[in-house]
Amino acid sequence: MTPTWAGPLQGVRVLDFTRVLAGPSAALALADLGAEVLKIEPPGGGDETRTFPPFRDGESHYFLSVNRGKKSIVIDLKTEAGVALAKDLAAKCDILIENYRPGVMDRLGLGYDELSTINPGLIYCAISGFGMTGPLRDKPSFDIVMQALSGALSVNGEPGCQPTKLGIPLGDLVGGINGPIGILAALYERSVTGKGRLIDVSLMDGLIGMLGYLAQLAFFTGQDPQPQGSQHPNLVPYGAFPAKDGSIIVACLMNSFWDKIGQACGAPEWAKDPRFDTIEKRRDSRALVNEMVSAFTRERTVEELVEIFTEHQVPHAPILGITEALSQPQAIAREMVVEADHAVLGKIPIVNRSIKFPGAAQPVPTAPPVLGQHTEEILRDVLGLTPAQVEGLRALKIVS
């Protein structure tokens, strides 16, 4: 029997004015948790990522990646009637998410001050590059800009080389982490007070918050941490080491692992060598320690090293490509890839929810919607419009 439990946010409705990545990833997290997400898109092309190649049968890989489990309604917000429809929907929603530049939603008549008078319980999450205040408030933001200005980009790359951006667009995706955290906290608060709240999420703030120990290291030393490649600024050996047929990660996270690494490499004497018996000494002898480990790893295949390091309980991992990562036994066991029925593409593989609730299975997420797929459904089920009223709005090109 198909499970009917959508998730812990079942019954919560989200009005999604987001586009591209930062905002859609936040709305995606709520959809994964069981909320009903109504994605408002402009007429014509819809969310800009629908035009990002490569395509399959006209559908963009990019749009598909962050819009599963949502419903699409097309409304022309450049018309008074369109804005009125959006306000009617806001009155029926628990949460609103938008990621326009500060001030845009206010100019449309859809800002928090306006909508909170209509729906005092509305939780309104505004996601932007720099937040609602500060000298950069109105500056456009992109993932690489966030990485650069937060300091994150400066520590990424190989030592002595030009810093490189993170392969994962964390400058944008941090909005998909902090946005839902703020929203869920406000949702709890509303259960006590009955009132909604405005949430101001800055992508730059989020990445600065993720600097973690690197920020504290700068506070302690007065110096900027430098790029270390896959290595750690203080822990050695830590990072990628050469194998006969590729590379393998080895991570000496604590002093106790140094003995295990020596045992695995057939050199138990390493643990007792006074040159390397503390974290600080290994850090100061980084090049020598790394070469000692590399001399062992480069003579063996990745598969052989995985077997040896597993036997000796050394923290390690083969470096997998995306396809291999998605098809590895652990990902399969956790059902991280599932099939969904797409309106145009038919059955397609999609990444599944990353948060599980043991004992309360959720159904497979619905496929990302085609543009305007749910316009009639939303107007009928949420606003109670008749088919004739919907057709009247279509005729005036207010919805599509």
Foldseek 3Di string as FASTA:
>chain_A
DAFPQQAPQAPAEEEEAEAQFQRLLQVLQVLQRRYAYEYEFEPDQTHPQLPPDDDDLSGHPRLQFRFFNYHFWYFHLVDPVSLVVVLLLLLLHQEYEYEDQPPPCVVSQNDPVNSCVSPQNYAYEYEYAAWCDDPCSRPHDDLVNLCVVLVVQQQADAPPDRGDDDPDSLLRHLSSVVRNVVVVVQVVVCVVVVGYDYHIHHSSVSVNVVCPVQVVVCVVPVDHNGHHHQCDQQAPPFGWAAAQAGIKTFGPPALVLQCLLCVLLVHNCQCVPPQRVHSRSCSVVRVVRNVSSNVRRHHHHPVVSVVSCVVSVTDMGGDDDPVCVCPPPVNVVVVQWDWAQAPRPGTDIHGFDPDDDPPRDHGGTHGRHDHNPCNVVCCCVRVVDDPVVSVVCVVVVRID
